[in-house]
Amino acid sequence: MKTNRRDFLKGMAAVPFLGYFAVGAKGNITTELERIQNDYLSTLKIDHLSAPEDKLRPPTGNNSNVVRFGVIGNGWRGDQLLNSMGFVSSKYVEDNTINGKYTKRLQDLLDEEDLYVDFAGVCDTFDAHAKRGYEISLNKVRRGGDKREHRPAKVFPTYREMIASDEIDAVIIATPDHTHARIAIDAAKAGKHVYLEKPMTHTIEEALELREVIKSTGVIFQLGHENRQQMSFKIANELYRKGALGVVSLVQTYTNKNDLNGAWIRTREFDHLGNPDTINWKEFLGKAPWVEFDPKRYFNWQRYSDYGTGVTGNDFTHKYDCVNQVLELGIPDTVVALGGQYYYKGHGDMPDLFSAIFTYPERGLTMTYDSTLKSGIYRQSHILGSEVTMDIDNAIMMYKDTYSERYKEHAISSDDPMYYYEPCADVDAISSATAKTYLKSGYGPTYIDGKVIDATFLHLKEWIDAIRGFGTTSCGIDVGFEEAVTFNLANLAYEHRRPVHWDKVNEKVIIE
């Protein structure tokens, strides 16, 4: 039976080098990683890997080129993005202060680079969310010892007033999926740079329109797949390009969750505040079909296809983008999908079991996706090559194929890892299946330039740097288009219970 990562770590607990990977013991990691990686590369017949040598981009901001940004949609994800931009609430500071000292979590956030940005505006269809954003802007505890005077964020009634304002240079969009495209399109047309949370769009038609607008306006666009900053995926791509995996024929991806939050069924402390007087229901619906005000739909919008994109848009998009980084797959030729809503009946129309197959005949490759919201067993993605199998998330484990030609002289059991990479904090102690999936899948910290650092911060910094003319974004409109088309093909296959094809020449969907 093949060794999994948890068993591997337990079995190697006494080996000295693993001590260097423990939380708070990063001082010798660079030297030790170099030695271990050299041993691995010799086995893999690779002279050198350049990805681990990536450096943090130098600071590009100063008092003369401050970027003024607004947040459109300040729910839980909006708060997280504000934290990564360097703006935290007074409650967050209070919760992370013990005996007059900041916790390591808060101190690490404050020690990261000051991006020289102003949180200039916020809007949300729920008054409580907008108010919380405003209160965050008042807090004086900021990153990098920032002592600049910041005016409070202006609360805009809707996103349209925000993007019309001369006081806003860029927007972060973290709204329900069905509004992503419209807001991003309008913002780009107004000349505002766009950071858009995944999934990129609700439909393929929206993806086509958004791509055209972003390219025609020239604004800087970043899709919120922060896993683009994960070192494990950069290394995996280089290993693939240098032939370490051989011919890849199959990719297996998964999402497992087993709690109400993971199924997007929420009860929040402020839900009782949600009523027609505090929620702009018409603005929330946008172009979705009209229904009377329903707080269940509002707070659990991911469970309704009118607003959300199901497990494919919420979860598969992460898995797909990670694999797309490694193998540069692009859009599949054909997709089939099955599933159903068996457990959370009465909560929208989203399936809680979902399986899909994506075929790439020109690559001789198939990708599968399996999702359940009734099991919390974590599973890494598997990339099956003719020479090795790669298990990958924020870590990499590679196993020699029994019939490998490239490595046949190496007496390595196919049950034992022949390559291992994981220089990040261990998250095995986290009990929530949802949290564990989030962190292990590549959405937490990464290791770069001798530092363990928040991947979301790096992704936002990349966007801000690009706005200032330094570098480009790694998750721009073209890879975002690939993501949007791919997961929407799966949703169409599920809806129609038929194979769905992508005509790449005419960029059209064909349903059998």
Protein backbone atom coordinates (compact mmCIF):
# COMPACT_ATOMS: atom_id res chain seq x y z
CA MET A 1 0.00 0.00 0.00
CA LYS A 2 1.37 3.38 -1.02
CA THR A 3 2.61 5.62 1.79
CA ASN A 4 0.53 8.76 2.26
CA ARG A 5 1.94 12.04 3.42
CA ARG A 6 0.65 11.81 6.99
CA ASP A 7 2.11 8.31 7.46
CA PHE A 8 5.34 9.39 5.81
CA LEU A 9 5.77 12.28 8.23
CA LYS A 10 4.99 10.10 11.23
CA GLY A 11 7.45 7.45 10.11
CA MET A 12 10.19 10.01 9.50
CA ALA A 13 9.67 11.93 12.74
CA ALA A 14 13.07 10.91 14.10
CA VAL A 15 14.99 11.91 10.98
CA PRO A 16 16.93 15.10 11.79
CA PHE A 17 16.15 17.09 8.66
CA LEU A 18 12.41 17.08 9.30
CA GLY A 19 13.05 19.19 12.36
CA TYR A 20 13.90 22.02 10.02
CA PHE A 21 10.37 21.95 8.65
CA ALA A 22 8.66 22.48 12.00
CA VAL A 23 6.76 25.67 12.73
CA GLY A 24 9.07 28.32 14.16
CA ALA A 25 12.25 26.52 13.09
CA LYS A 26 12.93 28.07 9.71
CA GLY A 27 16.46 29.34 10.32
CA ASN A 28 18.27 26.46 8.63
CA ILE A 29 15.63 25.54 6.11
CA THR A 30 17.38 26.98 3.05
CA THR A 31 20.60 25.06 3.62
CA GLU A 32 18.84 21.83 4.47
CA LEU A 33 16.37 22.10 1.61
CA GLU A 34 19.21 22.62 -0.84
CA ARG A 35 21.01 19.48 0.35
CA ILE A 36 17.88 17.33 0.28
CA GLN A 37 16.71 18.66 -3.07
CA ASN A 38 20.12 17.97 -4.62
CA ASP A 39 19.81 14.33 -3.56
CA TYR A 40 16.33 14.15 -5.04
CA LEU A 41 17.37 15.80 -8.31
CA SER A 42 20.20 13.33 -8.74
CA THR A 43 17.67 10.49 -8.50
CA LEU A 44 15.32 12.26 -10.91
CA LYS A 45 18.16 12.90 -13.39
CA ILE A 46 17.63 16.64 -13.32
CA ASP A 47 20.59 18.99 -13.06
CA HIS A 48 18.87 21.99 -11.56
CA LEU A 49 15.51 23.48 -10.55
CA SER A 50 15.15 27.23 -10.86
CA ALA A 51 11.71 27.59 -9.24
CA PRO A 52 12.97 27.35 -5.62
CA GLU A 53 15.28 30.29 -6.36
CA ASP A 54 12.35 32.67 -6.93
CA LYS A 55 12.73 35.91 -5.03
CA LEU A 56 10.21 38.26 -3.55
CA ARG A 57 9.66 41.25 -5.78
CA PRO A 58 11.29 44.34 -4.29
CA PRO A 59 8.99 47.04 -2.87
CA THR A 60 7.53 49.29 -5.54
CA GLY A 61 5.38 51.63 -3.48
CA ASN A 62 6.04 55.00 -1.88
CA ASN A 63 4.14 58.07 -0.78
CA SER A 64 4.00 59.42 -4.32
CA ASN A 65 2.29 56.44 -5.98
CA VAL A 66 -0.30 55.23 -3.51
CA VAL A 67 -2.95 52.99 -5.09
CA ARG A 68 -6.46 53.76 -3.83
CA PHE A 69 -8.62 50.67 -3.82
CA GLY A 70 -12.24 49.88 -3.04
CA VAL A 71 -13.77 46.62 -1.87
CA ILE A 72 -16.98 45.51 -3.55
CA GLY A 73 -18.50 42.83 -1.34
CA ASN A 74 -17.14 42.78 2.19
CA GLY A 75 -18.30 39.44 3.53
CA TRP A 76 -15.91 36.95 5.15
CA ARG A 77 -13.69 36.83 2.06
CA GLY A 78 -13.61 40.60 1.80
CA ASP A 79 -12.32 40.72 5.38
CA GLN A 80 -9.58 38.20 4.53
CA LEU A 81 -8.48 40.20 1.51
CA LEU A 82 -8.39 43.40 3.56
CA ASN A 83 -6.20 41.61 6.12
CA SER A 84 -3.80 40.58 3.37
CA MET A 85 -3.74 44.17 2.10
CA GLY A 86 -2.70 45.27 5.61
CA PHE A 87 -6.01 46.49 7.07
CA VAL A 88 -7.41 44.71 10.11
CA SER A 89 -10.31 45.35 12.46
CA SER A 90 -9.88 46.52 16.03
CA LYS A 91 -11.57 43.26 17.11
CA TYR A 92 -8.98 41.26 15.17
CA VAL A 93 -6.24 43.15 17.01
CA GLU A 94 -7.98 42.58 20.34
CA ASP A 95 -8.42 38.86 19.67
CA ASN A 96 -4.75 38.58 18.72
CA THR A 97 -3.30 40.48 21.68
CA ILE A 98 -2.28 38.46 24.74
CA ASN A 99 -0.79 40.14 27.81
CA GLY A 100 -0.15 43.28 25.83
CA LYS A 101 1.70 41.50 23.02
CA TYR A 102 0.56 40.65 19.51
CA THR A 103 0.24 36.99 18.60
CA LYS A 104 2.63 35.65 15.97
CA ARG A 105 -0.28 35.52 13.55
CA LEU A 106 -0.92 39.26 13.81
CA GLN A 107 2.74 40.21 14.07
CA ASP A 108 3.60 38.27 10.91
CA LEU A 109 0.83 40.09 9.07
CA LEU A 110 2.05 43.48 10.28
CA ASP A 111 5.67 42.66 9.43
CA GLU A 112 4.91 42.07 5.77
CA GLU A 113 5.67 44.76 3.22
CA ASP A 114 3.65 47.96 3.28
CA LEU A 115 2.03 47.97 -0.17
CA TYR A 116 1.42 51.74 -0.04
CA VAL A 117 -2.30 51.43 -0.71
CA ASP A 118 -5.29 53.30 0.65
CA PHE A 119 -8.49 51.49 1.53
CA ALA A 120 -10.60 54.22 -0.01
CA GLY A 121 -14.07 52.73 -0.43
CA VAL A 122 -16.41 49.89 0.40
CA CYS A 123 -19.84 48.81 -0.75
CA ASP A 124 -22.00 45.81 0.00
CA THR A 125 -25.64 44.87 -0.41
CA PHE A 126 -25.76 44.19 3.36
CA ASP A 127 -25.40 47.26 5.59
CA ALA A 128 -23.61 45.27 8.31
CA HIS A 129 -20.85 44.23 5.88
CA ALA A 130 -20.31 47.76 4.61
CA LYS A 131 -20.23 49.09 8.16
CA ARG A 132 -17.61 46.52 9.13
CA GLY A 133 -15.45 47.58 6.22
CA TYR A 134 -15.75 51.21 7.29
CA GLU A 135 -14.75 50.30 10.85
CA ILE A 136 -11.71 48.39 9.58
CA SER A 137 -10.57 51.51 7.74
CA LEU A 138 -10.58 53.43 11.05
CA ASN A 139 -8.15 51.09 12.79
CA LYS A 140 -4.67 52.62 13.24
CA VAL A 141 -2.83 49.29 13.55
CA ARG A 142 -1.41 48.78 10.09
CA ARG A 143 1.28 46.92 8.24
CA GLY A 144 4.92 47.92 8.15
CA GLY A 145 4.54 50.60 10.82
CA ASP A 146 2.44 52.63 8.39
CA LYS A 147 2.10 56.11 9.91
CA ARG A 148 0.47 57.79 6.93
CA GLU A 149 -2.79 59.60 7.47
CA HIS A 150 -5.66 57.56 6.03
CA ARG A 151 -9.10 58.96 5.51
CA PRO A 152 -11.89 56.54 6.44
CA ALA A 153 -13.14 54.41 3.59
CA LYS A 154 -16.13 55.96 1.87
CA VAL A 155 -19.25 53.82 1.98
CA PHE A 156 -20.79 53.75 -1.50
CA PRO A 157 -24.46 52.81 -2.00
CA THR A 158 -23.62 50.52 -4.94
CA TYR A 159 -20.61 49.49 -6.96
CA ARG A 160 -21.68 51.82 -9.77
CA GLU A 161 -21.09 54.90 -7.61
CA MET A 162 -17.75 53.48 -6.53
CA ILE A 163 -16.37 52.87 -10.02
CA ALA A 164 -17.59 56.32 -11.10
CA SER A 165 -15.52 57.94 -8.35
CA ASP A 166 -12.24 59.71 -9.11
CA GLU A 167 -11.08 58.65 -5.64
CA ILE A 168 -10.81 54.97 -6.63
CA ASP A 169 -8.01 53.52 -8.79
CA ALA A 170 -8.71 49.81 -8.43
CA VAL A 171 -11.35 47.46 -7.06
CA ILE A 172 -11.36 44.12 -5.28
CA ILE A 173 -14.52 42.19 -6.13
CA ALA A 174 -15.68 39.55 -3.64
CA THR A 175 -19.39 39.34 -4.38
CA PRO A 176 -21.67 36.37 -5.19
CA ASP A 177 -20.66 34.55 -8.37
CA HIS A 178 -23.56 35.71 -10.54
CA THR A 179 -22.43 39.35 -10.19
CA HIS A 180 -18.70 38.84 -10.84
CA ALA A 181 -18.70 39.44 -14.58
CA ARG A 182 -21.04 42.43 -14.64
CA ILE A 183 -19.16 44.30 -11.94
CA ALA A 184 -15.74 43.47 -13.43
CA ILE A 185 -16.87 44.53 -16.91
CA ASP A 186 -18.29 47.83 -15.68
CA ALA A 187 -15.22 48.50 -13.54
CA ALA A 188 -12.83 47.86 -16.43
CA LYS A 189 -14.86 50.11 -18.71
CA ALA A 190 -14.57 52.80 -16.02
CA GLY A 191 -10.78 52.41 -16.10
CA LYS A 192 -10.47 50.67 -12.72
CA HIS A 193 -7.99 47.84 -12.27
CA VAL A 194 -9.67 44.60 -11.20
CA TYR A 195 -8.88 41.90 -8.65
CA LEU A 196 -11.71 39.40 -9.02
CA GLU A 197 -12.36 36.51 -6.67
CA LYS A 198 -12.87 33.12 -8.27
CA PRO A 199 -14.78 31.77 -10.08
CA MET A 200 -14.32 34.32 -12.81
CA THR A 201 -17.84 34.22 -14.26
CA HIS A 202 -21.22 32.56 -13.86
CA THR A 203 -21.47 31.53 -17.52
CA ILE A 204 -19.28 30.97 -20.58
CA GLU A 205 -20.98 33.87 -22.37
CA GLU A 206 -19.91 36.19 -19.55
CA ALA A 207 -16.34 34.87 -19.79
CA LEU A 208 -16.19 35.73 -23.49
CA GLU A 209 -17.46 39.26 -22.85
CA LEU A 210 -15.20 39.88 -19.86
CA ARG A 211 -12.11 38.70 -21.73
CA GLU A 212 -12.87 41.08 -24.60
CA VAL A 213 -13.37 44.05 -22.25
CA ILE A 214 -10.23 43.41 -20.19
CA LYS A 215 -8.11 43.14 -23.32
CA SER A 216 -9.66 46.22 -24.95
CA THR A 217 -9.39 48.46 -21.88
CA GLY A 218 -5.90 47.37 -20.83
CA VAL A 219 -6.66 47.47 -17.11
CA ILE A 220 -4.64 45.18 -14.86
CA PHE A 221 -6.63 42.05 -14.08
CA GLN A 222 -5.91 39.37 -11.50
CA LEU A 223 -8.16 36.39 -10.77
CA GLY A 224 -8.07 35.43 -7.09
CA HIS A 225 -6.35 32.06 -7.32
CA GLU A 226 -3.62 32.72 -4.77
CA ASN A 227 -2.36 29.18 -5.28
CA ARG A 228 -0.53 30.70 -8.27
CA GLN A 229 1.99 31.83 -5.65
CA GLN A 230 2.54 28.36 -4.17
CA MET A 231 6.08 27.11 -4.60
CA SER A 232 4.93 23.49 -4.83
CA PHE A 233 3.06 24.13 -8.09
CA LYS A 234 5.97 26.08 -9.57
CA ILE A 235 8.34 23.22 -8.78
CA ALA A 236 5.87 20.65 -10.10
CA ASN A 237 5.57 22.51 -13.40
CA GLU A 238 9.34 22.56 -13.79
CA LEU A 239 9.60 18.86 -12.94
CA TYR A 240 6.96 18.13 -15.57
CA ARG A 241 8.61 20.26 -18.25
CA LYS A 242 11.96 18.57 -17.59
CA GLY A 243 10.50 15.12 -18.12
CA ALA A 244 10.52 13.79 -14.56
CA LEU A 245 6.95 12.50 -14.82
CA GLY A 246 7.19 11.02 -18.29
CA VAL A 247 3.95 10.86 -20.29
CA VAL A 248 0.99 12.05 -18.20
CA SER A 249 -2.22 10.18 -19.05
CA LEU A 250 -4.47 10.71 -16.04
CA VAL A 251 -5.12 13.41 -13.44
CA GLN A 252 -7.37 12.77 -10.44
CA THR A 253 -8.71 15.66 -8.36
CA TYR A 254 -11.01 15.71 -5.35
CA THR A 255 -12.86 17.83 -2.82
CA ASN A 256 -14.16 16.33 0.42
CA LYS A 257 -16.03 18.25 3.12
CA ASN A 258 -18.28 17.15 5.94
CA ASP A 259 -19.75 20.12 7.77
CA LEU A 260 -22.49 22.67 7.22
CA ASN A 261 -20.05 25.49 6.53
CA GLY A 262 -18.34 23.41 3.86
CA ALA A 263 -21.75 22.83 2.30
CA TRP A 264 -22.43 26.61 2.36
CA ILE A 265 -25.26 26.31 4.88
CA ARG A 266 -24.62 29.19 7.24
CA THR A 267 -25.93 30.55 10.47
CA ARG A 268 -24.19 33.76 11.41
CA GLU A 269 -24.36 35.96 14.44
CA PHE A 270 -25.65 38.85 12.35
CA ASP A 271 -28.21 36.92 10.30
CA HIS A 272 -30.99 38.35 12.46
CA LEU A 273 -29.94 41.76 11.18
CA GLY A 274 -30.71 40.74 7.61
CA ASN A 275 -34.05 42.12 6.51
CA PRO A 276 -35.43 44.19 3.61
CA ASP A 277 -34.36 47.38 5.40
CA THR A 278 -30.70 46.34 5.80
CA ILE A 279 -30.22 44.31 2.59
CA ASN A 280 -30.47 45.78 -0.89
CA TRP A 281 -32.30 42.78 -2.30
CA LYS A 282 -32.73 44.16 -5.82
CA GLU A 283 -29.02 44.94 -6.05
CA PHE A 284 -28.15 41.45 -4.79
CA LEU A 285 -30.35 39.79 -7.41
CA GLY A 286 -28.88 41.79 -10.27
CA LYS A 287 -29.95 40.04 -13.45
CA ALA A 288 -30.99 36.84 -11.65
CA PRO A 289 -34.71 35.90 -11.78
CA TRP A 290 -36.87 37.91 -9.41
CA VAL A 291 -37.99 36.27 -6.19
CA GLU A 292 -39.30 37.88 -3.05
CA PHE A 293 -36.82 38.67 -0.29
CA ASP A 294 -35.44 35.46 1.24
CA PRO A 295 -32.64 35.64 3.84
CA LYS A 296 -31.92 31.94 3.29
CA ARG A 297 -31.11 32.62 -0.33
CA TYR A 298 -29.08 35.67 0.58
CA PHE A 299 -26.81 34.13 3.22
CA ASN A 300 -26.55 30.71 1.52
CA TRP A 301 -26.38 31.95 -2.06
CA GLN A 302 -23.75 29.37 -3.11
CA ARG A 303 -26.41 26.67 -2.88
CA TYR A 304 -28.61 28.22 -5.57
CA SER A 305 -27.69 28.00 -9.25
CA ASP A 306 -29.29 31.41 -9.83
CA TYR A 307 -26.40 32.96 -7.89
CA GLY A 308 -23.70 30.38 -7.25
CA THR A 309 -21.74 27.96 -9.42
CA GLY A 310 -21.90 24.84 -7.25
CA VAL A 311 -19.00 22.67 -6.18
CA THR A 312 -17.36 23.18 -9.56
CA GLY A 313 -17.15 26.97 -9.24
CA ASN A 314 -16.38 26.98 -5.53
CA ASP A 315 -14.05 23.99 -5.21
CA PHE A 316 -13.09 22.40 -8.53
CA THR A 317 -11.84 25.74 -9.83
CA HIS A 318 -9.09 25.62 -7.20
CA LYS A 319 -8.09 22.09 -8.14
CA TYR A 320 -8.23 22.84 -11.84
CA ASP A 321 -6.14 25.98 -11.59
CA CYS A 322 -3.48 24.12 -9.58
CA VAL A 323 -3.28 21.34 -12.17
CA ASN A 324 -3.42 23.87 -14.99
CA GLN A 325 -0.34 25.55 -13.53
CA VAL A 326 1.55 22.28 -13.53
CA LEU A 327 0.48 20.77 -16.85
CA GLU A 328 -0.80 23.83 -18.76
CA LEU A 329 -3.90 21.90 -19.78
CA GLY A 330 -6.18 24.64 -21.03
CA ILE A 331 -9.79 23.87 -21.94
CA PRO A 332 -10.92 20.24 -22.35
CA ASP A 333 -12.48 18.87 -25.51
CA THR A 334 -15.35 17.00 -23.85
CA VAL A 335 -16.88 16.90 -20.37
CA VAL A 336 -19.37 14.47 -18.80
CA ALA A 337 -20.78 14.85 -15.30
CA LEU A 338 -23.14 13.17 -12.86
CA GLY A 339 -24.23 13.78 -9.29
CA GLY A 340 -27.17 14.82 -7.19
CA GLN A 341 -28.53 16.46 -4.09
CA TYR A 342 -29.04 13.63 -1.62
CA TYR A 343 -28.20 15.00 1.82
CA TYR A 344 -28.89 18.72 2.05
CA LYS A 345 -32.33 18.72 0.51
CA GLY A 346 -34.30 21.88 0.97
CA HIS A 347 -31.15 23.98 0.65
CA GLY A 348 -31.16 25.25 -2.91
CA ASP A 349 -30.45 23.06 -5.93
CA MET A 350 -26.70 22.49 -5.66
CA PRO A 351 -25.54 18.83 -5.80
CA ASP A 352 -23.69 17.56 -2.77
CA LEU A 353 -22.22 14.62 -4.72
CA PHE A 354 -20.58 15.47 -8.03
CA SER A 355 -18.29 13.64 -10.44
CA ALA A 356 -16.94 14.82 -13.78
CA ILE A 357 -14.56 13.61 -16.49
CA PHE A 358 -12.61 16.05 -18.66
CA THR A 359 -10.94 14.71 -21.81
CA TYR A 360 -7.94 16.14 -23.66
CA PRO A 361 -7.55 13.87 -26.71
CA GLU A 362 -4.77 15.95 -28.23
CA ARG A 363 -2.77 15.39 -25.06
CA GLY A 364 -3.83 11.75 -24.66
CA LEU A 365 -4.97 12.77 -21.18
CA THR A 366 -8.06 12.58 -18.99
CA MET A 367 -8.77 14.53 -15.79
CA THR A 368 -11.36 13.43 -13.23
CA TYR A 369 -13.02 15.30 -10.37
CA ASP A 370 -14.93 13.74 -7.49
CA SER A 371 -16.60 15.74 -4.74
CA THR A 372 -18.61 14.83 -1.67
CA LEU A 373 -19.95 17.08 1.04
CA LYS A 374 -20.50 14.10 3.35
CA SER A 375 -16.92 12.95 4.02
CA GLY A 376 -14.04 14.93 5.45
CA ILE A 377 -11.24 12.55 4.37
CA TYR A 378 -8.61 14.71 2.70
CA ARG A 379 -7.23 13.61 -0.68
CA GLN A 380 -4.40 15.18 -2.64
CA SER A 381 -4.56 15.54 -6.40
CA HIS A 382 -2.78 12.76 -8.29
CA ILE A 383 -0.92 13.25 -11.56
CA LEU A 384 -0.19 9.85 -13.12
CA GLY A 385 2.82 9.74 -15.40
CA SER A 386 4.52 6.84 -17.15
CA GLU A 387 7.62 7.31 -14.95
CA VAL A 388 6.20 8.55 -11.65
CA THR A 389 2.96 9.44 -9.94
CA MET A 390 2.87 12.86 -8.33
CA ASP A 391 0.65 13.62 -5.33
CA ILE A 392 0.38 17.38 -5.04
CA ASP A 393 -1.16 20.19 -3.01
CA ASN A 394 1.03 22.62 -1.05
CA ALA A 395 3.39 19.67 -0.88
CA ILE A 396 4.74 17.22 -3.47
CA MET A 397 5.25 13.49 -3.11
CA MET A 398 6.43 11.43 -6.10
CA TYR A 399 6.43 7.65 -6.48
CA LYS A 400 8.34 5.62 -9.04
CA ASP A 401 6.19 3.64 -11.44
CA THR A 402 6.83 -0.10 -11.27
CA TYR A 403 7.51 -0.15 -15.01
CA SER A 404 9.52 3.07 -15.21
CA GLU A 405 12.23 3.13 -17.86
CA ARG A 406 13.79 6.40 -16.75
CA TYR A 407 14.38 5.21 -13.19
CA LYS A 408 14.66 1.45 -13.64
CA GLU A 409 18.20 1.34 -12.24
CA HIS A 410 17.04 2.85 -8.94
CA ALA A 411 15.97 0.21 -6.43
CA ILE A 412 13.14 2.34 -5.03
CA SER A 413 9.89 0.71 -4.02
CA SER A 414 6.84 2.15 -5.73
CA ASP A 415 5.32 2.39 -2.24
CA ASP A 416 8.00 4.79 -0.97
CA PRO A 417 8.38 8.45 -1.97
CA MET A 418 11.31 9.14 -4.30
CA TYR A 419 10.77 12.89 -4.04
CA TYR A 420 9.27 14.95 -1.22
CA TYR A 421 8.77 18.70 -0.85
CA GLU A 422 6.93 20.50 1.96
CA PRO A 423 8.68 23.39 3.66
CA CYS A 424 5.48 24.94 5.02
CA ALA A 425 3.79 24.82 8.40
CA ASP A 426 2.11 21.54 9.29
CA VAL A 427 -1.68 21.85 9.36
CA ASP A 428 -2.51 18.29 10.40
CA ALA A 429 -3.72 19.54 13.77
CA ILE A 430 -6.57 21.47 12.17
CA SER A 431 -9.77 19.54 12.80
CA SER A 432 -12.19 21.16 10.36
CA ALA A 433 -12.32 19.33 7.05
CA THR A 434 -13.09 22.61 5.32
CA ALA A 435 -10.13 24.42 6.90
CA LYS A 436 -7.81 21.50 6.23
CA THR A 437 -8.85 21.39 2.58
CA TYR A 438 -8.35 25.14 2.28
CA LEU A 439 -4.83 25.14 3.73
CA LYS A 440 -3.46 21.91 2.33
CA SER A 441 -4.75 22.59 -1.16
CA GLY A 442 -2.46 25.57 -1.47
CA TYR A 443 -4.42 28.56 -0.20
CA GLY A 444 -2.43 29.25 2.97
CA PRO A 445 1.26 30.05 3.42
CA THR A 446 3.98 29.31 0.90
CA TYR A 447 7.78 29.35 1.11
CA ILE A 448 9.72 31.80 -1.01
CA ASP A 449 13.00 33.66 -0.73
CA GLY A 450 13.76 32.16 2.67
CA LYS A 451 10.40 33.11 4.17
CA VAL A 452 7.11 31.44 4.98
CA ILE A 453 4.63 33.98 3.67
CA ASP A 454 0.91 34.37 3.02
CA ALA A 455 0.07 33.38 -0.56
CA THR A 456 -2.88 35.80 -0.72
CA PHE A 457 -0.58 38.69 0.22
CA LEU A 458 1.80 37.69 -2.58
CA HIS A 459 -1.06 37.47 -5.07
CA LEU A 460 -2.39 40.90 -4.14
CA LYS A 461 1.13 42.37 -4.14
CA GLU A 462 1.66 40.99 -7.65
CA TRP A 463 -1.50 42.79 -8.78
CA ILE A 464 -0.52 46.08 -7.09
CA ASP A 465 3.01 45.85 -8.53
CA ALA A 466 1.58 45.31 -12.02
CA ILE A 467 -0.67 48.35 -11.62
CA ARG A 468 2.49 50.35 -10.96
CA GLY A 469 4.10 48.91 -14.09
CA PHE A 470 6.29 46.26 -12.46
CA GLY A 471 5.79 42.76 -13.84
CA THR A 472 2.57 41.04 -14.84
CA THR A 473 -0.15 39.08 -13.06
CA SER A 474 0.15 35.30 -12.95
CA CYS A 475 -3.61 34.70 -13.07
CA GLY A 476 -4.63 37.07 -15.81
CA ILE A 477 -7.61 37.06 -18.12
CA ASP A 478 -6.44 34.24 -20.42
CA VAL A 479 -5.96 31.61 -17.69
CA GLY A 480 -9.09 32.94 -16.02
CA PHE A 481 -10.95 32.27 -19.27
CA GLU A 482 -9.67 28.69 -19.29
CA GLU A 483 -10.95 28.20 -15.74
CA ALA A 484 -14.36 29.75 -16.45
CA VAL A 485 -15.02 27.70 -19.57
CA THR A 486 -13.82 24.43 -18.02
CA PHE A 487 -15.94 24.46 -14.88
CA ASN A 488 -18.99 25.81 -16.72
CA LEU A 489 -18.73 22.94 -19.20
CA ALA A 490 -18.98 20.59 -16.21
CA ASN A 491 -22.07 22.41 -14.92
CA LEU A 492 -23.69 22.21 -18.35
CA ALA A 493 -22.91 18.49 -18.58
CA TYR A 494 -24.53 17.97 -15.18
CA GLU A 495 -27.57 20.08 -16.06
CA HIS A 496 -28.22 18.35 -19.40
CA ARG A 497 -27.01 14.86 -18.38
CA ARG A 498 -25.19 14.70 -21.69
CA PRO A 499 -21.60 14.99 -22.91
CA VAL A 500 -20.66 18.61 -23.62
CA HIS A 501 -18.01 19.58 -26.17
CA TRP A 502 -15.96 22.75 -26.60
CA ASP A 503 -15.47 24.01 -30.15
CA LYS A 504 -12.15 25.78 -29.65
CA VAL A 505 -12.11 27.27 -33.16
CA ASN A 506 -15.48 29.02 -32.86
CA GLU A 507 -15.41 29.14 -29.04
CA LYS A 508 -18.85 27.60 -28.71
CA VAL A 509 -20.47 24.86 -26.63
CA ILE A 510 -21.87 21.79 -28.36
CA ILE A 511 -24.26 19.61 -26.35
CA GLU A 512 -24.93 16.10 -27.68
